[in-house]
N, C-alpha and C. Protein backbone atom coordinates (compact mmCIF):
# COMPACT_ATOMS: atom_id res chain seq x y z
N MET A 1 110.39 98.30 103.59
CA MET A 1 110.80 99.29 102.71
C MET A 1 111.66 99.31 101.58
N LYS A 2 111.79 99.60 100.72
CA LYS A 2 112.70 99.24 99.71
C LYS A 2 114.00 100.34 99.11
N THR A 3 114.91 100.33 99.01
CA THR A 3 115.86 101.42 98.32
C THR A 3 115.98 101.19 97.62
N LEU A 4 115.61 102.48 96.46
CA LEU A 4 115.97 102.58 95.32
C LEU A 4 117.18 101.99 94.87
N PRO A 5 117.36 101.40 93.26
CA PRO A 5 118.73 100.77 93.17
C PRO A 5 119.54 102.28 92.58
N ASN A 6 120.82 101.99 92.58
CA ASN A 6 121.24 103.31 92.34
C ASN A 6 121.75 102.95 90.85
N THR A 7 121.84 102.05 90.35
CA THR A 7 122.43 102.07 89.11
C THR A 7 120.98 100.74 87.84
N ILE A 8 120.79 101.70 86.75
CA ILE A 8 120.00 100.99 85.80
C ILE A 8 120.51 99.42 85.95
N THR A 9 121.75 99.20 85.88
CA THR A 9 121.84 97.57 85.73
C THR A 9 121.27 96.73 87.01
N ARG A 10 121.45 97.14 88.02
CA ARG A 10 121.06 96.74 89.45
C ARG A 10 119.50 96.59 89.19
N TRP A 11 118.70 97.78 88.60
CA TRP A 11 117.45 97.79 88.19
C TRP A 11 116.65 96.40 86.83
N GLU A 12 117.89 96.57 86.07
CA GLU A 12 117.68 95.34 85.21
C GLU A 12 117.44 94.00 85.73
N LYS A 13 118.46 93.66 86.51
CA LYS A 13 118.78 92.08 87.09
C LYS A 13 117.38 92.04 87.83
N LEU A 14 116.94 93.04 88.55
CA LEU A 14 115.75 93.12 89.60
C LEU A 14 114.54 92.91 88.50
N MET A 15 114.29 93.54 87.97
CA MET A 15 112.97 93.73 86.73
C MET A 15 113.17 92.35 85.63
N ASN A 16 114.17 91.72 85.58
CA ASN A 16 114.01 90.52 84.82
C ASN A 16 113.98 89.46 85.77
N LYS A 17 114.19 89.54 87.09
CA LYS A 17 113.92 88.37 88.00
C LYS A 17 112.39 88.25 88.45
N TYR A 18 111.85 89.59 88.64
CA TYR A 18 110.47 89.05 89.04
C TYR A 18 109.22 89.69 88.39
N PHE A 19 109.53 90.83 87.24
CA PHE A 19 108.56 91.37 86.36
C PHE A 19 109.09 91.26 84.50
N ASN A 20 107.92 91.77 83.94
CA ASN A 20 108.17 92.16 82.84
C ASN A 20 108.82 93.23 82.36
N PRO A 21 110.28 93.21 82.00
CA PRO A 21 111.02 94.48 82.39
C PRO A 21 110.32 95.81 81.46
N THR A 22 110.22 95.50 80.38
CA THR A 22 109.75 96.87 79.79
C THR A 22 108.58 97.71 80.13
N LEU A 23 107.70 96.95 80.62
CA LEU A 23 106.63 97.30 81.60
C LEU A 23 106.59 98.01 82.83
N TYR A 24 107.68 97.70 83.38
CA TYR A 24 108.05 98.30 84.62
C TYR A 24 109.44 99.24 84.74
N TYR A 25 110.10 98.86 83.66
CA TYR A 25 111.17 99.72 83.60
C TYR A 25 110.63 101.06 83.08
N ASP A 26 110.21 101.29 81.93
CA ASP A 26 109.21 102.51 81.89
C ASP A 26 108.50 103.34 83.06
N LYS A 27 107.78 102.56 83.82
CA LYS A 27 107.52 103.06 84.96
C LYS A 27 108.44 104.01 86.00
N PHE A 28 109.43 102.60 85.86
CA PHE A 28 110.26 103.28 86.94
C PHE A 28 111.37 104.66 86.72
N ILE A 29 111.60 104.74 85.04
CA ILE A 29 112.36 105.62 84.53
C ILE A 29 110.70 106.97 84.91
N ARG A 30 110.17 107.10 84.49
CA ARG A 30 109.09 108.09 84.91
C ARG A 30 109.02 108.46 85.88
N PHE A 31 109.55 107.51 87.07
CA PHE A 31 109.06 107.75 88.58
C PHE A 31 110.54 108.61 89.05
N ILE A 32 111.89 108.12 88.71
CA ILE A 32 112.97 108.85 88.80
C ILE A 32 113.31 109.89 88.13
N GLN A 33 112.31 110.20 87.25
CA GLN A 33 112.54 111.94 86.51
C GLN A 33 111.81 112.40 86.95
N LEU A 34 110.61 112.23 87.95
CA LEU A 34 110.05 113.30 88.44
C LEU A 34 110.64 114.21 89.17
N GLU A 35 110.44 115.46 89.24
CA GLU A 35 111.46 116.47 89.76
C GLU A 35 110.80 116.69 91.61
N LEU A 36 111.86 117.03 92.51
CA LEU A 36 111.66 116.92 93.52
C LEU A 36 110.68 118.21 94.29
N GLU A 37 109.61 117.78 94.98
CA GLU A 37 109.06 118.55 95.40
C GLU A 37 108.53 118.06 97.11
N PRO A 38 108.26 119.50 98.05
CA PRO A 38 108.77 119.00 99.49
C PRO A 38 107.08 117.58 99.79
N TRP A 39 105.95 117.63 98.80
CA TRP A 39 105.02 117.04 99.34
C TRP A 39 105.47 115.26 99.22
N MET A 40 107.00 115.15 98.78
CA MET A 40 106.85 113.59 98.71
C MET A 40 107.70 113.19 99.56
N PHE A 41 108.23 114.28 100.85
CA PHE A 41 108.89 113.85 101.93
C PHE A 41 107.97 113.76 103.23
N ILE A 42 107.16 115.07 103.47
CA ILE A 42 106.39 115.14 104.54
C ILE A 42 105.16 115.68 103.88
N PRO A 43 103.99 115.54 105.03
CA PRO A 43 102.68 115.78 104.80
C PRO A 43 102.48 117.16 104.15
N TRP A 44 101.77 117.55 102.88
CA TRP A 44 101.70 118.98 102.90
C TRP A 44 100.41 119.48 102.20
N ASP A 45 100.47 120.63 102.42
CA ASP A 45 98.92 121.68 102.30
C ASP A 45 99.16 121.95 100.86
N ASP A 46 98.52 121.34 100.01
CA ASP A 46 99.02 121.72 98.82
C ASP A 46 97.98 123.01 98.41
N GLU A 47 96.76 123.23 98.95
CA GLU A 47 96.13 124.70 99.11
C GLU A 47 96.52 125.96 99.53
N ASN A 48 97.50 125.77 100.46
CA ASN A 48 98.03 126.71 101.24
C ASN A 48 99.62 126.86 100.96
N ASN A 49 99.95 126.08 100.27
CA ASN A 49 101.45 125.52 99.49
C ASN A 49 102.60 125.91 101.06
N CYS A 50 101.98 124.87 101.88
CA CYS A 50 103.20 125.02 103.19
C CYS A 50 103.02 123.39 103.99
N PRO A 51 103.46 123.45 104.94
CA PRO A 51 103.76 121.73 105.55
C PRO A 51 102.45 121.89 106.44
N LEU A 52 102.20 120.66 106.51
CA LEU A 52 100.73 120.24 107.33
C LEU A 52 101.31 119.69 108.19
N LYS A 53 100.78 120.28 109.88
CA LYS A 53 101.34 119.80 110.89
C LYS A 53 100.56 118.99 111.37
N TYR A 54 100.28 117.83 112.12
CA TYR A 54 99.50 117.33 113.05
C TYR A 54 99.54 118.21 114.39
N ASP A 55 98.73 119.02 114.24
CA ASP A 55 98.59 119.84 115.70
C ASP A 55 97.13 120.58 115.18
N TYR A 56 96.07 120.13 115.66
CA TYR A 56 94.87 121.00 115.24
C TYR A 56 94.58 122.03 116.46
N LYS A 57 94.29 123.23 116.02
CA LYS A 57 94.17 124.02 116.99
C LYS A 57 92.86 125.01 116.53
N GLY A 58 91.61 124.32 116.58
CA GLY A 58 90.80 125.20 115.76
C GLY A 58 89.59 125.12 116.73
N GLY A 59 89.85 125.06 118.59
CA GLY A 59 89.35 124.79 119.77
C GLY A 59 88.59 123.59 119.77
N PHE A 60 87.21 123.91 119.80
CA PHE A 60 86.60 122.53 120.33
C PHE A 60 85.44 122.07 119.31
N ASP A 61 85.61 122.64 117.79
CA ASP A 61 84.93 122.03 116.84
C ASP A 61 85.53 120.52 116.45
N HIS A 62 84.79 119.68 116.98
CA HIS A 62 84.65 118.40 116.98
C HIS A 62 84.96 118.38 115.03
N ILE A 63 83.85 118.27 114.62
CA ILE A 63 83.64 118.26 113.14
C ILE A 63 84.80 118.76 111.95
N ALA A 64 85.32 119.91 112.75
CA ALA A 64 86.59 120.70 111.85
C ALA A 64 87.64 119.49 112.13
N GLU A 65 88.02 119.35 113.44
CA GLU A 65 88.95 118.55 114.00
C GLU A 65 89.04 117.18 112.99
N VAL A 66 87.87 116.29 113.24
CA VAL A 66 88.05 115.40 112.07
C VAL A 66 88.63 115.59 110.61
N GLU A 67 87.65 116.78 110.30
CA GLU A 67 88.12 117.03 108.83
C GLU A 67 89.45 117.19 108.59
N PHE A 68 90.15 117.98 109.85
CA PHE A 68 91.57 118.43 109.64
C PHE A 68 92.55 116.96 109.66
N LYS A 69 92.04 115.87 110.53
CA LYS A 69 93.08 114.69 110.62
C LYS A 69 92.65 113.84 109.42
N LYS A 70 91.41 114.11 108.71
CA LYS A 70 91.37 113.21 107.61
C LYS A 70 92.22 113.95 106.55
N GLN A 71 92.61 115.38 106.49
CA GLN A 71 93.35 115.99 105.70
C GLN A 71 94.53 115.82 106.05
N TYR A 72 94.57 115.47 107.26
CA TYR A 72 96.26 115.22 107.70
C TYR A 72 96.85 114.16 106.97
N GLN A 73 95.65 112.79 107.43
CA GLN A 73 96.07 111.46 107.13
C GLN A 73 96.39 111.32 105.45
N ALA A 74 95.39 111.90 104.54
CA ALA A 74 95.14 111.90 103.13
C ALA A 74 96.91 112.73 102.59
N ALA A 75 97.38 113.73 103.17
CA ALA A 75 98.42 114.08 102.82
C ALA A 75 99.48 113.56 103.27
N LYS A 76 99.81 112.40 104.41
CA LYS A 76 100.40 111.80 104.95
C LYS A 76 100.86 110.85 104.21
N ASP A 77 99.59 109.80 103.50
CA ASP A 77 99.44 108.83 102.63
C ASP A 77 100.07 108.88 101.56
N ARG A 78 100.28 110.07 101.06
CA ARG A 78 100.76 110.74 100.03
C ARG A 78 102.47 110.86 99.63
N VAL A 79 102.89 110.65 100.68
CA VAL A 79 104.46 111.24 101.10
C VAL A 79 105.17 109.91 100.35
N LEU A 80 105.85 110.15 99.87
CA LEU A 80 106.84 108.96 99.08
C LEU A 80 107.88 108.50 99.68
N PHE A 81 108.47 108.91 100.42
CA PHE A 81 109.74 108.80 101.27
C PHE A 81 109.75 108.78 102.39
N ASP A 82 110.51 107.74 103.10
CA ASP A 82 110.27 107.55 104.65
C ASP A 82 110.79 107.93 105.66
N GLY A 83 110.54 108.58 106.54
CA GLY A 83 111.09 109.38 107.51
C GLY A 83 111.98 110.90 107.88
N PHE A 84 111.36 111.53 106.46
CA PHE A 84 111.94 113.25 106.59
C PHE A 84 111.12 113.62 107.42
N ILE A 85 111.73 115.23 108.39
CA ILE A 85 111.01 115.87 109.15
C ILE A 85 111.40 117.16 108.64
N LEU A 86 110.12 117.81 108.91
CA LEU A 86 110.62 119.46 108.52
C LEU A 86 111.64 119.95 109.39
N THR A 87 112.60 120.88 109.24
CA THR A 87 113.77 121.35 110.13
C THR A 87 113.70 122.62 110.09
N GLN A 88 113.23 123.31 109.01
CA GLN A 88 113.54 125.01 108.92
C GLN A 88 112.46 125.25 107.84
N LEU A 89 111.77 126.55 108.54
CA LEU A 89 111.25 127.29 107.45
C LEU A 89 111.22 128.51 107.55
N LYS A 90 112.16 129.07 107.18
CA LYS A 90 112.41 130.33 106.70
C LYS A 90 112.53 131.25 105.66
N SER A 91 113.58 130.91 104.97
CA SER A 91 113.81 131.56 103.44
C SER A 91 113.89 130.67 102.60
N ALA A 92 113.83 129.25 103.28
CA ALA A 92 113.46 127.87 102.47
C ALA A 92 112.77 126.90 103.34
N VAL A 93 112.33 125.63 102.63
CA VAL A 93 111.77 124.67 103.32
C VAL A 93 112.97 123.64 103.30
N GLN A 94 113.37 123.31 104.97
CA GLN A 94 114.16 122.29 104.66
C GLN A 94 113.48 121.18 105.53
N ILE A 95 113.89 120.04 104.66
CA ILE A 95 113.47 118.47 105.42
C ILE A 95 114.71 117.44 105.51
N LYS A 96 114.80 117.22 106.51
CA LYS A 96 115.88 116.21 106.86
C LYS A 96 115.48 114.79 107.31
N LYS A 97 116.68 113.95 106.92
CA LYS A 97 116.63 112.68 107.65
C LYS A 97 118.27 112.30 107.36
N ASP A 98 118.97 111.92 108.84
CA ASP A 98 119.73 111.32 109.18
C ASP A 98 120.73 112.08 108.63
N ASN A 99 121.98 112.00 107.53
CA ASN A 99 122.91 112.77 107.09
C ASN A 99 122.11 113.52 105.59
N ILE A 100 120.96 113.41 105.40
CA ILE A 100 120.21 114.04 104.17
C ILE A 100 119.66 115.31 104.36
N VAL A 101 119.93 116.44 103.82
CA VAL A 101 119.22 117.38 104.24
C VAL A 101 119.11 117.98 102.69
N ILE A 102 117.62 118.19 102.49
CA ILE A 102 116.91 119.13 101.31
C ILE A 102 116.61 120.50 101.27
N ASP A 103 117.14 121.12 100.51
CA ASP A 103 117.02 122.75 100.64
C ASP A 103 115.50 122.91 99.49
N PHE A 104 114.61 123.54 99.90
CA PHE A 104 113.61 123.81 98.63
C PHE A 104 113.46 125.47 99.01
N TYR A 105 113.78 126.20 97.77
CA TYR A 105 113.96 127.62 98.05
C TYR A 105 112.92 127.84 96.87
N PRO A 106 112.16 129.22 97.75
CA PRO A 106 111.10 129.83 96.45
C PRO A 106 111.24 130.04 95.30
N SER A 107 112.56 129.98 94.59
CA SER A 107 112.87 130.70 93.07
C SER A 107 113.32 129.21 92.63
N ASP A 108 112.78 128.09 93.19
CA ASP A 108 112.34 126.86 92.51
C ASP A 108 113.46 126.13 92.50
N LYS A 109 114.96 126.43 93.36
CA LYS A 109 115.90 125.67 93.37
C LYS A 109 116.07 124.83 94.36
N ILE A 110 116.43 123.64 94.31
CA ILE A 110 116.62 122.51 95.14
C ILE A 110 117.83 122.36 95.48
N TYR A 111 118.22 122.18 96.54
CA TYR A 111 119.60 121.66 96.87
C TYR A 111 119.46 120.10 98.37
N LEU A 112 120.68 119.40 97.53
CA LEU A 112 120.42 118.28 98.44
C LEU A 112 121.72 117.92 98.75
N ASN A 113 122.04 118.31 100.35
CA ASN A 113 123.30 118.44 100.92
C ASN A 113 123.92 119.39 100.01
N GLY A 114 123.75 120.43 100.25
CA GLY A 114 124.36 121.50 99.40
C GLY A 114 124.34 121.41 97.82
N ARG A 115 124.23 120.33 97.31
CA ARG A 115 124.71 120.30 96.03
C ARG A 115 123.61 120.63 94.95
N ASP A 116 123.17 121.46 93.72
CA ASP A 116 122.01 121.05 92.89
C ASP A 116 121.57 119.86 92.97
N ALA A 117 119.79 119.70 92.95
CA ALA A 117 119.08 118.80 92.68
C ALA A 117 117.90 118.97 91.85
N LYS A 118 117.51 117.80 91.10
CA LYS A 118 116.20 118.20 90.63
C LYS A 118 115.71 117.21 90.60
N SER A 119 116.07 115.82 90.70
CA SER A 119 114.52 114.35 90.46
C SER A 119 115.16 113.39 91.38
N ILE A 120 114.05 112.91 91.22
CA ILE A 120 114.21 111.87 92.18
C ILE A 120 115.36 110.93 91.83
N HIS A 121 116.02 110.88 91.25
CA HIS A 121 117.42 110.10 90.62
C HIS A 121 118.41 110.68 91.49
N ASP A 122 118.48 112.12 91.57
CA ASP A 122 119.69 112.52 92.60
C ASP A 122 119.72 111.81 93.81
N LEU A 123 118.65 111.38 94.43
CA LEU A 123 118.35 110.46 95.74
C LEU A 123 118.48 108.98 95.94
N CYS A 124 118.61 108.23 94.63
CA CYS A 124 118.58 107.06 94.16
C CYS A 124 119.90 106.18 95.70
N ASP A 125 119.57 105.41 95.98
CA ASP A 125 120.37 104.62 97.22
C ASP A 125 120.55 105.63 98.38
N LYS A 126 119.59 106.58 98.42
CA LYS A 126 120.05 106.96 99.88
C LYS A 126 118.41 107.27 100.55
N VAL A 127 117.65 107.28 100.05
CA VAL A 127 116.11 107.11 100.78
C VAL A 127 115.55 106.02 100.78
N GLN A 128 114.35 105.82 101.57
CA GLN A 128 113.53 104.39 101.87
C GLN A 128 112.23 104.63 101.31
N LEU A 129 111.62 104.04 100.34
CA LEU A 129 110.32 104.35 99.98
C LEU A 129 109.13 103.82 101.11
N THR A 130 108.24 104.64 100.80
CA THR A 130 106.75 104.26 101.55
C THR A 130 105.98 103.27 100.61
N PRO A 131 105.01 102.76 101.12
CA PRO A 131 104.51 102.11 100.66
C PRO A 131 103.87 102.73 99.26
N THR A 132 103.56 103.85 99.35
CA THR A 132 102.91 104.48 98.34
C THR A 132 104.26 104.83 97.28
N GLY A 133 105.29 105.37 97.85
CA GLY A 133 106.27 105.66 96.56
C GLY A 133 107.01 104.12 95.88
N GLU A 134 106.54 103.00 96.39
CA GLU A 134 106.92 101.80 96.25
C GLU A 134 105.58 101.52 95.16
N LYS A 135 104.60 101.76 95.33
CA LYS A 135 103.49 101.66 93.99
C LYS A 135 103.96 102.71 92.78
N GLN A 136 104.21 103.73 93.39
CA GLN A 136 104.56 104.39 92.36
C GLN A 136 105.89 104.56 91.17
N ALA A 137 106.41 104.06 92.30
CA ALA A 137 107.88 103.37 91.37
C ALA A 137 107.77 102.18 90.42
N GLY A 138 106.41 101.72 90.55
CA GLY A 138 106.38 100.21 89.86
C GLY A 138 107.57 99.03 90.82
N LEU A 139 107.57 99.33 91.83
CA LEU A 139 108.16 98.20 92.69
C LEU A 139 107.49 97.03 93.32
């Protein structure tokens, strides 16, 4: 897993060493400007706008269980950042990993460790990317 570079100069050095800087630099800049959303951290059910937990409770319907597992795996494969868990779902969706706490409020307010946060840029150097995250960032 790769950690996001914390400065553009560090990113530029990495890009000059391995890739065509212009092509990958633009992709990375678009990536870090993405607005934070819960699906980036935990498996998320877009249809119902809620966390997707791996605990099928539909009885003995094997076909429905298989479909649920496929849906869960697809949601898990979309996650961009490694190791986060859902810790609270009352007035806000709270996602946590070690000393990082992210709160998503219904009013579209997002707080990272108690401070306003908006984009992936606010997380640089604090998180590990999943393989999907690395691909989307162009790393």
